[in-house]
Structure formats: C-alpha cells, structure tokens
Amino acid sequence: MKRIAVIAMAGLLAFSVAGCTTRETNATLIGGGVGAVAGGLATKSVGGAAVGGALGAGTGFLLARNTHRCRKTNIFGQRYNGWCLN
C-alpha cells in the first residue's frame, strides 16, 4: 500500500509540474512537501500524507500562478515590494 501511495504522489507531482515556470515549479514542490508532512503528522498514515501532499502542491501551484511582484504602500506611506493577486 505504501508503494502505491508513493507512486501516486510522484505521478501527481510530475503531472502538476509539467510545463510550469521555475517559480510555479518551486511553489508546487514546496507546497507538496509541506502538505505531505502536515498530512502525515496529523493523521499518522501514508494516505493522509498523500492527500496533504496533493492539496499542498495544488495550493502552491495556484498561489504561484495567480500572484505577481508589485509595489505596495504601507499605512505610513512607505513603498515596498510585495506580492499581489492577479
């Protein structure tokens, strides 16, 4: 069962990274890793790690795809670089 879960996670990760930019790829990998660790710790099972990894990878990909660098102004009128939603 563990082998099937690992193969499924690797397949999902490879499918989600195909054709992405470097930023999207990095966000997908980081989100998948963090999600897998969180899911595994929360459920103490490989299935939980697989679901957490898939959800984390999807979230990381969507955040990277729908954000861009922009200039922002804080409440004191100071300008800084940040991330904005598209």
Protein backbone atom coordinates (compact mmCIF):
# COMPACT_ATOMS: atom_id res chain seq x y z
CA MET A 1 0.00 0.00 0.00
CA LYS A 2 2.82 2.40 0.82
CA ARG A 3 4.45 1.74 -2.55
CA ILE A 4 1.22 2.59 -4.41
CA ALA A 5 0.83 5.82 -2.42
CA VAL A 6 4.42 6.87 -3.17
CA ILE A 7 3.99 6.13 -6.88
CA ALA A 8 0.69 8.04 -6.95
CA MET A 9 2.25 11.05 -5.21
CA ALA A 10 5.20 11.06 -7.61
CA GLY A 11 2.83 10.86 -10.58
CA LEU A 12 0.68 13.71 -9.32
CA LEU A 13 3.73 15.85 -8.66
CA ALA A 14 5.21 15.17 -12.10
CA PHE A 15 1.86 15.95 -13.75
CA SER A 16 1.42 19.21 -11.84
CA VAL A 17 4.97 20.44 -12.56
CA ALA A 18 4.95 19.73 -16.30
CA GLY A 19 5.04 22.95 -18.32
CA CYS A 20 5.41 25.29 -15.35
CA THR A 21 7.73 28.21 -14.86
CA THR A 22 10.51 27.93 -12.31
CA ARG A 23 8.54 29.90 -9.70
CA GLU A 24 5.47 27.71 -10.18
CA THR A 25 7.59 24.56 -10.01
CA ASN A 26 9.26 25.64 -6.78
CA ALA A 27 5.94 26.64 -5.19
CA THR A 28 4.40 23.30 -6.20
CA LEU A 29 7.30 21.30 -4.77
CA ILE A 30 7.43 23.27 -1.52
CA GLY A 31 3.64 23.14 -1.10
CA GLY A 32 3.60 19.41 -1.78
CA GLY A 33 6.36 18.74 0.73
CA VAL A 34 4.84 20.85 3.47
CA GLY A 35 1.39 19.40 2.81
CA ALA A 36 2.70 15.82 2.90
CA VAL A 37 4.49 16.39 6.20
CA ALA A 38 1.46 18.12 7.74
CA GLY A 39 -0.94 15.45 6.49
CA GLY A 40 1.32 12.63 7.67
CA LEU A 41 1.76 14.16 11.13
CA ALA A 42 -1.93 14.95 11.51
CA THR A 43 -3.22 11.51 10.51
CA LYS A 44 -0.17 9.30 11.20
CA SER A 45 -0.85 7.48 7.91
CA VAL A 46 0.52 7.35 4.39
CA GLY A 47 -2.92 8.15 2.99
CA GLY A 48 -3.04 11.37 5.00
CA ALA A 49 0.41 12.29 3.73
CA ALA A 50 -0.69 11.64 0.15
CA VAL A 51 -3.80 13.79 0.48
CA GLY A 52 -1.87 16.54 2.27
CA GLY A 53 0.82 16.47 -0.40
CA ALA A 54 -1.71 16.72 -3.20
CA LEU A 55 -3.57 19.58 -1.53
CA GLY A 56 -0.34 21.40 -0.69
CA ALA A 57 1.01 21.03 -4.23
CA GLY A 58 -2.24 22.33 -5.70
CA THR A 59 -2.31 25.28 -3.34
CA GLY A 60 1.31 26.17 -4.04
CA PHE A 61 0.74 25.99 -7.79
CA LEU A 62 -2.38 28.16 -7.67
CA LEU A 63 -0.72 30.78 -5.49
CA ALA A 64 2.30 30.99 -7.79
CA ARG A 65 0.14 31.11 -10.91
CA ASN A 66 -2.15 33.89 -9.62
CA THR A 67 0.32 36.28 -7.97
CA HIS A 68 2.90 38.74 -9.29
CA ARG A 69 5.52 41.13 -7.88
CA CYS A 70 4.23 44.66 -7.30
CA ARG A 71 4.92 47.87 -5.41
CA LYS A 72 2.81 48.44 -2.30
CA THR A 73 2.39 51.28 0.17
CA ASN A 74 2.06 50.65 3.90
CA ILE A 75 -0.05 52.72 6.31
CA PHE A 76 2.86 55.12 6.87
CA GLY A 77 3.22 55.91 3.16
CA GLN A 78 6.41 53.90 2.70
CA ARG A 79 6.76 51.96 -0.58
CA TYR A 80 7.95 48.34 -0.64
CA ASN A 81 7.99 45.33 -2.97
CA GLY A 82 5.35 42.69 -2.30
CA TRP A 83 3.09 40.10 -3.93
CA CYS A 84 -0.29 41.00 -5.44
CA LEU A 85 -3.11 38.77 -6.64
CA ASN A 86 -3.90 38.89 -10.37
